[in-house]
Amino acid sequence: MTGVRPMRADARRNYERLLRVAAEAFALHGENASLDDIAKRAGVGSGTLYRHFPNRRALLEAAYVDRIEAMAARAGELSRQLPPGEALTRWLEELCASTIQVRGLKALLGSAVTDGGSAAATACAVSLRGAATHLVEAARREGTLRADVEPVELLRLAHGVATAAELADGQGDAIRRCLTLLMEGLRERPDTGPGRAPGGAPSG
């Protein structure tokens, strides 16, 4: 019987320390934070960092995978607390705020809503898309979201909202303003319901 050999205690400590320091560095400086500085602050050599994480993206993904899983879980919490349309808007607001406040998340979330990527990026994409799908489908049933909006499209738009809000003041007011404009544009209307084209003519 074969399997992955568990890390030695010292290797595990180095790994966890690197993740903690990397999360702090990426939050402050974004995805281009110095890997040499991260290794130095973690008290290990660059060689040790690269043995655990072969490249920058692998470290970024490992540092933030738990945070992304928490974001996905938050969708379920909000869906139990608020009406569908409000739950969706609140979740998107929190998602946008996180990508601005924690600078390294923006690159990771961007890769999570595109096709391809590493196993970690794929896992992030599955979690976020699953959360978005749950909220989107509920909002469609409620009649507060257009029936032709796909969950992944909404995630990509939210990524754009975070960028637009950051260009303003990066604060909650800017995020809420941009999201309000976005959600108003995506609201279900009589001429965009199932079976009708956006201009009002029947499709097909």
N, C-alpha and C. Protein backbone atom coordinates (compact mmCIF):
# COMPACT_ATOMS: atom_id res chain seq x y z
N MET A 1 0.85 -1.20 0.00
CA MET A 1 0.00 0.00 0.00
C MET A 1 0.89 1.25 0.00
N THR A 2 0.60 2.17 -0.92
CA THR A 2 1.41 3.38 -1.03
C THR A 2 0.55 4.59 -0.72
N GLY A 3 1.20 5.68 -0.41
CA GLY A 3 0.48 6.92 -0.12
C GLY A 3 1.46 8.04 0.04
N VAL A 4 0.94 9.21 0.31
CA VAL A 4 1.79 10.39 0.49
C VAL A 4 2.43 10.31 1.87
N ARG A 5 3.75 10.42 1.92
CA ARG A 5 4.44 10.35 3.19
C ARG A 5 4.16 11.62 3.98
N PRO A 6 3.75 11.51 5.25
CA PRO A 6 3.46 12.71 6.04
C PRO A 6 4.71 13.54 6.27
N MET A 7 4.53 14.85 6.42
CA MET A 7 5.65 15.74 6.69
C MET A 7 6.23 15.47 8.08
N ARG A 8 7.56 15.62 8.17
CA ARG A 8 8.18 15.64 9.49
C ARG A 8 7.67 16.85 10.26
N ALA A 9 7.80 16.80 11.57
CA ALA A 9 7.28 17.88 12.42
C ALA A 9 7.92 19.22 12.07
N ASP A 10 9.24 19.23 11.81
CA ASP A 10 9.91 20.50 11.49
C ASP A 10 9.47 21.02 10.13
N ALA A 11 9.26 20.10 9.18
CA ALA A 11 8.80 20.52 7.85
C ALA A 11 7.39 21.09 7.92
N ARG A 12 6.55 20.47 8.73
CA ARG A 12 5.18 20.95 8.91
C ARG A 12 5.19 22.35 9.53
N ARG A 13 6.05 22.57 10.52
CA ARG A 13 6.14 23.90 11.14
C ARG A 13 6.59 24.94 10.12
N ASN A 14 7.59 24.59 9.30
CA ASN A 14 8.05 25.52 8.27
C ASN A 14 6.93 25.84 7.28
N TYR A 15 6.20 24.82 6.88
CA TYR A 15 5.10 24.98 5.92
C TYR A 15 4.04 25.93 6.46
N GLU A 16 3.63 25.69 7.69
CA GLU A 16 2.58 26.52 8.29
C GLU A 16 3.04 27.95 8.52
N ARG A 17 4.32 28.10 8.90
CA ARG A 17 4.87 29.44 9.11
C ARG A 17 4.95 30.20 7.77
N LEU A 18 5.35 29.52 6.72
CA LEU A 18 5.41 30.13 5.40
C LEU A 18 4.02 30.59 4.95
N LEU A 19 3.01 29.76 5.18
CA LEU A 19 1.65 30.14 4.79
C LEU A 19 1.18 31.37 5.55
N ARG A 20 1.46 31.42 6.84
CA ARG A 20 1.02 32.55 7.65
C ARG A 20 1.70 33.84 7.20
N VAL A 21 3.00 33.78 7.02
CA VAL A 21 3.75 34.98 6.59
C VAL A 21 3.34 35.38 5.18
N ALA A 22 3.16 34.40 4.29
CA ALA A 22 2.77 34.70 2.91
C ALA A 22 1.41 35.38 2.85
N ALA A 23 0.45 34.90 3.64
CA ALA A 23 -0.88 35.50 3.65
C ALA A 23 -0.79 36.97 4.06
N GLU A 24 0.05 37.27 5.05
CA GLU A 24 0.22 38.65 5.49
C GLU A 24 0.88 39.50 4.40
N ALA A 25 1.90 38.94 3.77
CA ALA A 25 2.64 39.68 2.74
C ALA A 25 1.77 39.94 1.51
N PHE A 26 1.05 38.93 1.06
CA PHE A 26 0.18 39.10 -0.11
C PHE A 26 -0.95 40.08 0.19
N ALA A 27 -1.45 40.07 1.42
CA ALA A 27 -2.52 41.00 1.80
C ALA A 27 -2.04 42.45 1.72
N LEU A 28 -0.79 42.68 2.11
CA LEU A 28 -0.25 44.03 2.12
C LEU A 28 0.26 44.48 0.76
N HIS A 29 0.92 43.58 0.05
CA HIS A 29 1.65 43.97 -1.17
C HIS A 29 1.09 43.38 -2.45
N GLY A 30 0.06 42.54 -2.35
CA GLY A 30 -0.49 41.93 -3.55
C GLY A 30 0.30 40.71 -3.98
N GLU A 31 -0.07 40.17 -5.15
CA GLU A 31 0.51 38.91 -5.60
C GLU A 31 2.01 39.00 -5.90
N ASN A 32 2.54 40.20 -6.06
CA ASN A 32 3.96 40.35 -6.40
C ASN A 32 4.85 40.58 -5.18
N ALA A 33 4.34 40.27 -3.99
CA ALA A 33 5.16 40.37 -2.79
C ALA A 33 6.43 39.54 -2.95
N SER A 34 7.53 40.02 -2.39
CA SER A 34 8.82 39.36 -2.53
C SER A 34 8.83 37.99 -1.86
N LEU A 35 9.13 36.95 -2.63
CA LEU A 35 9.21 35.60 -2.07
C LEU A 35 10.44 35.47 -1.17
N ASP A 36 11.51 36.13 -1.51
CA ASP A 36 12.71 36.09 -0.66
C ASP A 36 12.41 36.70 0.71
N ASP A 37 11.65 37.82 0.71
CA ASP A 37 11.29 38.44 1.98
C ASP A 37 10.37 37.53 2.80
N ILE A 38 9.48 36.85 2.12
CA ILE A 38 8.57 35.92 2.82
C ILE A 38 9.37 34.82 3.48
N ALA A 39 10.31 34.25 2.74
CA ALA A 39 11.14 33.18 3.31
C ALA A 39 11.94 33.70 4.51
N LYS A 40 12.52 34.89 4.36
CA LYS A 40 13.32 35.46 5.44
C LYS A 40 12.48 35.70 6.69
N ARG A 41 11.29 36.28 6.52
CA ARG A 41 10.42 36.55 7.67
C ARG A 41 9.92 35.26 8.31
N ALA A 42 9.82 34.20 7.52
CA ALA A 42 9.38 32.91 8.08
C ALA A 42 10.53 32.16 8.73
N GLY A 43 11.74 32.68 8.58
CA GLY A 43 12.90 32.05 9.21
C GLY A 43 13.41 30.84 8.48
N VAL A 44 13.20 30.78 7.17
CA VAL A 44 13.70 29.66 6.37
C VAL A 44 14.44 30.20 5.16
N GLY A 45 15.16 29.34 4.48
CA GLY A 45 15.85 29.72 3.26
C GLY A 45 14.92 29.66 2.06
N SER A 46 15.31 30.32 0.98
CA SER A 46 14.49 30.30 -0.24
C SER A 46 14.31 28.89 -0.76
N GLY A 47 15.34 28.06 -0.59
CA GLY A 47 15.24 26.68 -1.05
C GLY A 47 14.11 25.93 -0.35
N THR A 48 13.94 26.19 0.94
CA THR A 48 12.85 25.55 1.69
C THR A 48 11.50 26.01 1.16
N LEU A 49 11.39 27.30 0.87
CA LEU A 49 10.13 27.81 0.32
C LEU A 49 9.79 27.09 -0.98
N TYR A 50 10.77 26.99 -1.88
CA TYR A 50 10.50 26.39 -3.18
C TYR A 50 10.31 24.88 -3.11
N ARG A 51 10.81 24.23 -2.08
CA ARG A 51 10.51 22.80 -1.92
C ARG A 51 9.05 22.58 -1.60
N HIS A 52 8.49 23.49 -0.83
CA HIS A 52 7.06 23.38 -0.49
C HIS A 52 6.17 23.94 -1.59
N PHE A 53 6.60 25.04 -2.22
CA PHE A 53 5.78 25.75 -3.20
C PHE A 53 6.65 26.04 -4.43
N PRO A 54 6.44 25.31 -5.52
CA PRO A 54 7.34 25.42 -6.68
C PRO A 54 7.31 26.77 -7.38
N ASN A 55 6.25 27.55 -7.18
CA ASN A 55 6.19 28.85 -7.83
C ASN A 55 5.29 29.79 -7.02
N ARG A 56 5.25 31.03 -7.44
CA ARG A 56 4.50 32.07 -6.72
C ARG A 56 3.01 31.73 -6.63
N ARG A 57 2.42 31.27 -7.75
CA ARG A 57 0.99 30.98 -7.75
C ARG A 57 0.64 29.86 -6.78
N ALA A 58 1.50 28.85 -6.67
CA ALA A 58 1.24 27.75 -5.74
C ALA A 58 1.19 28.26 -4.30
N LEU A 59 2.08 29.19 -3.96
CA LEU A 59 2.09 29.77 -2.61
C LEU A 59 0.85 30.63 -2.39
N LEU A 60 0.50 31.43 -3.37
CA LEU A 60 -0.68 32.29 -3.27
C LEU A 60 -1.93 31.46 -3.05
N GLU A 61 -2.08 30.39 -3.82
CA GLU A 61 -3.26 29.55 -3.70
C GLU A 61 -3.31 28.85 -2.34
N ALA A 62 -2.18 28.34 -1.90
CA ALA A 62 -2.16 27.65 -0.60
C ALA A 62 -2.46 28.61 0.54
N ALA A 63 -1.99 29.85 0.43
CA ALA A 63 -2.19 30.83 1.50
C ALA A 63 -3.64 31.24 1.65
N TYR A 64 -4.41 31.19 0.55
CA TYR A 64 -5.76 31.74 0.59
C TYR A 64 -6.88 30.74 0.33
N VAL A 65 -6.55 29.47 0.15
CA VAL A 65 -7.61 28.51 -0.16
C VAL A 65 -8.63 28.43 0.97
N ASP A 66 -8.19 28.52 2.23
CA ASP A 66 -9.13 28.46 3.35
C ASP A 66 -10.06 29.67 3.35
N ARG A 67 -9.53 30.83 3.00
CA ARG A 67 -10.35 32.05 2.97
C ARG A 67 -11.42 31.94 1.87
N ILE A 68 -11.04 31.38 0.74
CA ILE A 68 -12.01 31.23 -0.35
C ILE A 68 -13.09 30.22 0.02
N GLU A 69 -12.69 29.14 0.68
CA GLU A 69 -13.68 28.17 1.15
C GLU A 69 -14.65 28.83 2.13
N ALA A 70 -14.14 29.72 2.98
CA ALA A 70 -15.00 30.43 3.93
C ALA A 70 -15.97 31.35 3.20
N MET A 71 -15.50 32.00 2.12
CA MET A 71 -16.38 32.85 1.33
C MET A 71 -17.52 32.03 0.72
N ALA A 72 -17.18 30.84 0.24
CA ALA A 72 -18.20 29.97 -0.34
C ALA A 72 -19.21 29.56 0.72
N ALA A 73 -18.73 29.22 1.90
CA ALA A 73 -19.63 28.82 2.98
C ALA A 73 -20.53 29.98 3.41
N ARG A 74 -20.03 31.18 3.30
CA ARG A 74 -20.80 32.37 3.69
C ARG A 74 -22.07 32.49 2.86
N ALA A 75 -22.04 32.03 1.61
CA ALA A 75 -23.23 32.09 0.76
C ALA A 75 -24.38 31.32 1.39
N GLY A 76 -24.08 30.16 1.96
CA GLY A 76 -25.11 29.37 2.61
C GLY A 76 -25.68 30.07 3.83
N GLU A 77 -24.82 30.71 4.60
CA GLU A 77 -25.27 31.43 5.78
C GLU A 77 -26.23 32.56 5.40
N LEU A 78 -25.85 33.33 4.39
CA LEU A 78 -26.67 34.46 3.98
C LEU A 78 -28.01 34.00 3.40
N SER A 79 -27.99 32.87 2.69
CA SER A 79 -29.24 32.39 2.09
C SER A 79 -30.24 31.96 3.15
N ARG A 80 -29.74 31.61 4.33
CA ARG A 80 -30.64 31.24 5.42
C ARG A 80 -31.13 32.45 6.21
N GLN A 81 -30.44 33.57 6.06
CA GLN A 81 -30.76 34.75 6.85
C GLN A 81 -31.57 35.80 6.09
N LEU A 82 -31.42 35.84 4.75
CA LEU A 82 -32.00 36.92 3.97
C LEU A 82 -32.81 36.38 2.78
N PRO A 83 -33.72 37.20 2.24
CA PRO A 83 -34.39 36.83 0.99
C PRO A 83 -33.35 36.63 -0.12
N PRO A 84 -33.66 35.82 -1.14
CA PRO A 84 -32.66 35.47 -2.15
C PRO A 84 -31.93 36.63 -2.81
N GLY A 85 -32.68 37.64 -3.25
CA GLY A 85 -32.03 38.76 -3.92
C GLY A 85 -31.09 39.52 -3.00
N GLU A 86 -31.51 39.72 -1.76
CA GLU A 86 -30.67 40.41 -0.78
C GLU A 86 -29.45 39.57 -0.42
N ALA A 87 -29.65 38.26 -0.29
CA ALA A 87 -28.53 37.37 0.04
C ALA A 87 -27.46 37.41 -1.04
N LEU A 88 -27.90 37.40 -2.30
CA LEU A 88 -26.96 37.44 -3.41
C LEU A 88 -26.18 38.76 -3.41
N THR A 89 -26.88 39.87 -3.25
CA THR A 89 -26.21 41.17 -3.25
C THR A 89 -25.23 41.29 -2.09
N ARG A 90 -25.64 40.85 -0.90
CA ARG A 90 -24.76 40.93 0.27
C ARG A 90 -23.51 40.08 0.07
N TRP A 91 -23.69 38.89 -0.50
CA TRP A 91 -22.53 38.01 -0.72
C TRP A 91 -21.56 38.63 -1.71
N LEU A 92 -22.09 39.19 -2.77
CA LEU A 92 -21.22 39.83 -3.76
C LEU A 92 -20.50 41.02 -3.15
N GLU A 93 -21.19 41.76 -2.28
CA GLU A 93 -20.57 42.90 -1.60
C GLU A 93 -19.40 42.44 -0.74
N GLU A 94 -19.60 41.37 0.02
CA GLU A 94 -18.53 40.85 0.88
C GLU A 94 -17.39 40.28 0.04
N LEU A 95 -17.72 39.64 -1.07
CA LEU A 95 -16.70 39.10 -1.95
C LEU A 95 -15.84 40.22 -2.53
N CYS A 96 -16.49 41.28 -2.99
CA CYS A 96 -15.75 42.43 -3.53
C CYS A 96 -14.88 43.09 -2.47
N ALA A 97 -15.44 43.25 -1.27
CA ALA A 97 -14.67 43.88 -0.19
C ALA A 97 -13.42 43.07 0.13
N SER A 98 -13.55 41.76 0.14
CA SER A 98 -12.40 40.91 0.44
C SER A 98 -11.30 41.04 -0.60
N THR A 99 -11.70 41.15 -1.87
CA THR A 99 -10.68 41.24 -2.92
C THR A 99 -9.95 42.57 -2.88
N ILE A 100 -10.57 43.61 -2.31
CA ILE A 100 -9.91 44.90 -2.17
C ILE A 100 -9.06 44.94 -0.91
N GLN A 101 -9.60 44.45 0.19
CA GLN A 101 -8.90 44.52 1.47
C GLN A 101 -7.69 43.59 1.51
N VAL A 102 -7.82 42.43 0.90
CA VAL A 102 -6.73 41.45 0.89
C VAL A 102 -6.20 41.39 -0.54
N ARG A 103 -5.17 42.14 -0.81
CA ARG A 103 -4.78 42.42 -2.19
C ARG A 103 -4.43 41.18 -3.00
N GLY A 104 -3.85 40.19 -2.36
CA GLY A 104 -3.47 38.99 -3.11
C GLY A 104 -4.64 38.17 -3.59
N LEU A 105 -5.81 38.40 -3.02
CA LEU A 105 -6.97 37.60 -3.40
C LEU A 105 -7.46 37.92 -4.81
N LYS A 106 -7.24 39.14 -5.28
CA LYS A 106 -7.80 39.52 -6.57
C LYS A 106 -7.28 38.63 -7.70
N ALA A 107 -5.98 38.39 -7.72
CA ALA A 107 -5.42 37.53 -8.76
C ALA A 107 -5.94 36.12 -8.64
N LEU A 108 -6.06 35.63 -7.41
CA LEU A 108 -6.53 34.26 -7.20
C LEU A 108 -7.99 34.12 -7.58
N LEU A 109 -8.81 35.07 -7.21
CA LEU A 109 -10.22 35.01 -7.57
C LEU A 109 -10.40 35.16 -9.07
N GLY A 110 -9.54 35.96 -9.69
CA GLY A 110 -9.60 36.08 -11.14
C GLY A 110 -9.36 34.75 -11.82
N SER A 111 -8.36 34.01 -11.36
CA SER A 111 -8.08 32.70 -11.96
C SER A 111 -9.14 31.68 -11.61
N ALA A 112 -9.83 31.89 -10.49
CA ALA A 112 -10.86 30.93 -10.06
C ALA A 112 -12.10 30.99 -10.93
N VAL A 113 -12.30 32.11 -11.65
CA VAL A 113 -13.49 32.20 -12.49
C VAL A 113 -13.14 32.14 -13.97
N THR A 114 -11.96 31.63 -14.28
CA THR A 114 -11.59 31.34 -15.65
C THR A 114 -11.37 29.84 -15.78
N ASP A 115 -11.32 29.37 -16.99
CA ASP A 115 -11.14 27.95 -17.21
C ASP A 115 -9.68 27.57 -17.06
N GLY A 116 -9.45 26.35 -16.62
CA GLY A 116 -8.09 25.85 -16.50
C GLY A 116 -7.43 26.26 -15.21
N GLY A 117 -6.11 26.00 -15.11
CA GLY A 117 -5.39 26.35 -13.90
C GLY A 117 -5.00 25.13 -13.11
N SER A 118 -4.41 25.38 -11.96
CA SER A 118 -3.92 24.30 -11.12
C SER A 118 -5.06 23.62 -10.39
N ALA A 119 -4.71 22.54 -9.67
CA ALA A 119 -5.72 21.83 -8.89
C ALA A 119 -6.32 22.72 -7.82
N ALA A 120 -5.48 23.55 -7.18
CA ALA A 120 -5.98 24.45 -6.14
C ALA A 120 -6.91 25.50 -6.72
N ALA A 121 -6.53 26.06 -7.88
CA ALA A 121 -7.39 27.05 -8.52
C ALA A 121 -8.71 26.43 -8.93
N THR A 122 -8.65 25.18 -9.41
CA THR A 122 -9.87 24.47 -9.80
C THR A 122 -10.76 24.25 -8.58
N ALA A 123 -10.16 23.88 -7.45
CA ALA A 123 -10.94 23.68 -6.23
C ALA A 123 -11.60 24.99 -5.80
N CYS A 124 -10.88 26.10 -5.90
CA CYS A 124 -11.45 27.40 -5.56
C CYS A 124 -12.62 27.72 -6.49
N ALA A 125 -12.42 27.44 -7.79
CA ALA A 125 -13.48 27.72 -8.75
C ALA A 125 -14.72 26.91 -8.46
N VAL A 126 -14.54 25.63 -8.13
CA VAL A 126 -15.68 24.77 -7.83
C VAL A 126 -16.46 25.31 -6.63
N SER A 127 -15.75 25.71 -5.58
CA SER A 127 -16.40 26.22 -4.38
C SER A 127 -17.16 27.51 -4.66
N LEU A 128 -16.51 28.45 -5.34
CA LEU A 128 -17.15 29.74 -5.59
C LEU A 128 -18.31 29.60 -6.57
N ARG A 129 -18.11 28.80 -7.61
CA ARG A 129 -19.20 28.63 -8.57
C ARG A 129 -20.39 27.92 -7.94
N GLY A 130 -20.11 26.96 -7.06
CA GLY A 130 -21.19 26.28 -6.37
C GLY A 130 -21.98 27.24 -5.50
N ALA A 131 -21.28 28.10 -4.77
CA ALA A 131 -21.94 29.10 -3.92
C ALA A 131 -22.74 30.07 -4.76
N ALA A 132 -22.15 30.55 -5.85
CA ALA A 132 -22.85 31.50 -6.72
C ALA A 132 -24.07 30.85 -7.36
N THR A 133 -23.95 29.60 -7.76
CA THR A 133 -25.08 28.90 -8.38
C THR A 133 -26.26 28.81 -7.42
N HIS A 134 -25.98 28.47 -6.18
CA HIS A 134 -27.04 28.37 -5.17
C HIS A 134 -27.78 29.69 -5.02
N LEU A 135 -27.04 30.79 -4.93
CA LEU A 135 -27.66 32.10 -4.73
C LEU A 135 -28.36 32.59 -6.00
N VAL A 136 -27.74 32.36 -7.14
CA VAL A 136 -28.32 32.81 -8.41
C VAL A 136 -29.63 32.09 -8.69
N GLU A 137 -29.66 30.79 -8.51
CA GLU A 137 -30.88 30.03 -8.78
C GLU A 137 -32.02 30.47 -7.86
N ALA A 138 -31.71 30.75 -6.59
CA ALA A 138 -32.74 31.22 -5.67
C ALA A 138 -33.27 32.59 -6.09
N ALA A 139 -32.37 33.48 -6.53
CA ALA A 139 -32.80 34.82 -6.96
C ALA A 139 -33.62 34.74 -8.24
N ARG A 140 -33.28 33.81 -9.12
CA ARG A 140 -34.10 33.61 -10.32
C ARG A 140 -35.51 33.19 -9.95
N ARG A 141 -35.62 32.21 -9.03
CA ARG A 141 -36.94 31.74 -8.63
C ARG A 141 -37.75 32.85 -7.97
N GLU A 142 -37.06 33.71 -7.25
CA GLU A 142 -37.73 34.83 -6.58
C GLU A 142 -38.18 35.87 -7.59
N GLY A 143 -37.56 35.88 -8.77
CA GLY A 143 -37.90 36.87 -9.78
C GLY A 143 -37.12 38.15 -9.67
N THR A 144 -36.01 38.14 -8.92
CA THR A 144 -35.21 39.36 -8.75
C THR A 144 -33.94 39.33 -9.61
N LEU A 145 -33.77 38.30 -10.42
CA LEU A 145 -32.59 38.20 -11.27
C LEU A 145 -33.00 37.63 -12.61
N ARG A 146 -32.44 38.18 -13.67
CA ARG A 146 -32.73 37.69 -15.02
C ARG A 146 -32.45 36.20 -15.13
N ALA A 147 -33.29 35.52 -15.87
CA ALA A 147 -33.17 34.07 -15.99
C ALA A 147 -31.97 33.65 -16.84
N ASP A 148 -31.42 34.57 -17.64
CA ASP A 148 -30.33 34.19 -18.53
C ASP A 148 -28.95 34.49 -17.94
N VAL A 149 -28.88 34.93 -16.69
CA VAL A 149 -27.59 35.23 -16.05
C VAL A 149 -26.97 33.94 -15.52
N GLU A 150 -25.75 33.65 -15.94
CA GLU A 150 -25.03 32.47 -15.48
C GLU A 150 -24.19 32.81 -14.24
N PRO A 151 -24.08 31.89 -13.30
CA PRO A 151 -23.30 32.17 -12.08
C PRO A 151 -21.88 32.62 -12.36
N VAL A 152 -21.20 31.98 -13.30
CA VAL A 152 -19.81 32.36 -13.56
C VAL A 152 -19.73 33.77 -14.15
N GLU A 153 -20.76 34.16 -14.92
CA GLU A 153 -20.78 35.53 -15.45
C GLU A 153 -20.88 36.54 -14.30
N LEU A 154 -21.70 36.21 -13.32
CA LEU A 154 -21.87 37.11 -12.19
C LEU A 154 -20.57 37.23 -11.39
N LEU A 155 -19.84 36.13 -11.23
CA LEU A 155 -18.56 36.17 -10.53
C LEU A 155 -17.56 37.03 -11.28
N ARG A 156 -17.55 36.91 -12.60
CA ARG A 156 -16.63 37.74 -13.39
C ARG A 156 -17.00 39.21 -13.30
N LEU A 157 -18.30 39.49 -13.32
CA LEU A 157 -18.75 40.88 -13.17
C LEU A 157 -18.38 41.43 -11.80
N ALA A 158 -18.51 40.57 -10.77
CA ALA A 158 -18.15 41.01 -9.41
C ALA A 158 -16.66 41.33 -9.33
N HIS A 159 -15.84 40.57 -10.04
CA HIS A 159 -14.41 40.86 -10.08
C HIS A 159 -14.18 42.24 -10.69
N GLY A 160 -14.97 42.55 -11.73
CA GLY A 160 -14.87 43.87 -12.34
C GLY A 160 -15.36 44.97 -11.43
N VAL A 161 -16.41 44.69 -10.66
CA VAL A 161 -16.93 45.67 -9.70
C VAL A 161 -15.87 46.01 -8.67
N ALA A 162 -15.17 44.98 -8.18
CA ALA A 162 -14.11 45.22 -7.20
C ALA A 162 -13.03 46.14 -7.78
N THR A 163 -12.69 45.92 -9.04
CA THR A 163 -11.69 46.78 -9.68
C THR A 163 -12.19 48.21 -9.82
N ALA A 164 -13.47 48.35 -10.24
CA ALA A 164 -14.05 49.68 -10.40
C ALA A 164 -14.14 50.41 -9.06
N ALA A 165 -14.55 49.69 -8.03
CA ALA A 165 -14.67 50.31 -6.70
C ALA A 165 -13.30 50.72 -6.17
N GLU A 166 -12.30 49.91 -6.45
CA GLU A 166 -10.95 50.23 -5.99
C GLU A 166 -10.43 51.49 -6.67
N LEU A 167 -10.82 51.70 -7.92
CA LEU A 167 -10.41 52.91 -8.63
C LEU A 167 -11.08 54.15 -8.06
N ALA A 168 -12.23 53.95 -7.40
CA ALA A 168 -12.90 55.07 -6.73
C ALA A 168 -12.23 55.30 -5.39
N ASP A 169 -12.79 54.74 -4.32
CA ASP A 169 -12.14 54.93 -3.02
C ASP A 169 -11.83 53.61 -2.33
N GLY A 170 -12.30 52.49 -2.94
CA GLY A 170 -12.02 51.19 -2.35
C GLY A 170 -12.77 50.93 -1.06
N GLN A 171 -13.76 51.76 -0.75
CA GLN A 171 -14.50 51.63 0.49
C GLN A 171 -15.89 51.05 0.21
N GLY A 172 -16.62 50.79 1.30
CA GLY A 172 -17.91 50.15 1.17
C GLY A 172 -18.90 50.92 0.32
N ASP A 173 -18.89 52.27 0.40
CA ASP A 173 -19.85 53.05 -0.38
C ASP A 173 -19.64 52.85 -1.87
N ALA A 174 -18.40 52.81 -2.31
CA ALA A 174 -18.11 52.62 -3.73
C ALA A 174 -18.53 51.23 -4.18
N ILE A 175 -18.28 50.23 -3.36
CA ILE A 175 -18.69 48.87 -3.70
C ILE A 175 -20.20 48.78 -3.83
N ARG A 176 -20.91 49.33 -2.84
CA ARG A 176 -22.38 49.27 -2.86
C ARG A 176 -22.94 50.02 -4.06
N ARG A 177 -22.35 51.15 -4.39
CA ARG A 177 -22.81 51.93 -5.55
C ARG A 177 -22.64 51.13 -6.83
N CYS A 178 -21.47 50.55 -7.04
CA CYS A 178 -21.21 49.78 -8.25
C CYS A 178 -22.10 48.54 -8.31
N LEU A 179 -22.28 47.87 -7.18
CA LEU A 179 -23.12 46.67 -7.16
C LEU A 179 -24.58 47.02 -7.41
N THR A 180 -25.04 48.17 -6.89
CA THR A 180 -26.42 48.59 -7.15
C THR A 180 -26.65 48.78 -8.64
N LEU A 181 -25.72 49.44 -9.30
CA LEU A 181 -25.83 49.64 -10.74
C LEU A 181 -25.82 48.30 -11.48
N LEU A 182 -24.94 47.40 -11.05
CA LEU A 182 -24.86 46.09 -11.69
C LEU A 182 -26.16 45.31 -11.50
N MET A 183 -26.65 45.22 -10.26
CA MET A 183 -27.83 44.40 -9.99
C MET A 183 -29.09 44.99 -10.62
N GLU A 184 -29.17 46.32 -10.73
CA GLU A 184 -30.30 46.92 -11.43
C GLU A 184 -30.31 46.50 -12.89
N GLY A 185 -29.13 46.43 -13.48
CA GLY A 185 -29.05 46.00 -14.87
C GLY A 185 -29.37 44.53 -15.08
N LEU A 186 -29.20 43.73 -14.02
CA LEU A 186 -29.44 42.29 -14.12
C LEU A 186 -30.81 41.89 -13.59
N ARG A 187 -31.60 42.85 -13.17
CA ARG A 187 -32.92 42.53 -12.62
C ARG A 187 -33.85 41.99 -13.69
N GLU A 188 -34.66 41.01 -13.34
CA GLU A 188 -35.63 40.44 -14.26
C GLU A 188 -36.67 41.48 -14.64
N ARG A 189 -36.95 41.59 -15.95
CA ARG A 189 -37.98 42.50 -16.44
C ARG A 189 -38.90 41.74 -17.38
N PRO A 190 -40.13 42.23 -17.59
CA PRO A 190 -41.07 41.51 -18.44
C PRO A 190 -40.54 41.21 -19.83
N ASP A 191 -39.71 42.11 -20.39
CA ASP A 191 -39.24 41.88 -21.75
C ASP A 191 -37.95 41.08 -21.82
N THR A 192 -37.44 40.59 -20.65
CA THR A 192 -36.22 39.77 -20.67
C THR A 192 -36.45 38.44 -19.99
N GLY A 193 -37.70 38.06 -19.83
CA GLY A 193 -38.01 36.79 -19.20
C GLY A 193 -37.66 35.64 -20.09
N PRO A 194 -37.81 34.40 -19.60
CA PRO A 194 -37.51 33.20 -20.40
C PRO A 194 -38.31 33.21 -21.70
N GLY A 195 -37.64 32.88 -22.78
CA GLY A 195 -38.30 32.79 -24.06
C GLY A 195 -38.38 34.10 -24.81
N ARG A 196 -37.78 35.16 -24.26
CA ARG A 196 -37.81 36.45 -24.96
C ARG A 196 -36.39 36.99 -25.08
N ALA A 197 -36.13 37.65 -26.16
CA ALA A 197 -34.82 38.26 -26.38
C ALA A 197 -34.75 39.55 -25.57
N PRO A 198 -33.53 40.06 -25.30
CA PRO A 198 -33.40 41.29 -24.51
C PRO A 198 -34.19 42.46 -25.03
N GLY A 199 -34.39 42.56 -26.33
CA GLY A 199 -35.12 43.69 -26.89
C GLY A 199 -36.62 43.56 -26.77
N GLY A 200 -37.11 42.41 -26.29
CA GLY A 200 -38.53 42.26 -26.10
C GLY A 200 -39.17 41.31 -27.09
N ALA A 201 -38.50 40.99 -28.20
CA ALA A 201 -39.08 40.08 -29.18
C ALA A 201 -38.95 38.65 -28.71
N PRO A 202 -39.95 37.80 -29.00
CA PRO A 202 -39.84 36.39 -28.63
C PRO A 202 -38.61 35.77 -29.26
N SER A 203 -37.90 34.93 -28.52
CA SER A 203 -36.73 34.25 -29.07
C SER A 203 -37.18 32.99 -29.77
N GLY A 204 -36.29 32.45 -30.62
CA GLY A 204 -36.59 31.20 -31.31
C GLY A 204 -37.17 31.44 -32.67
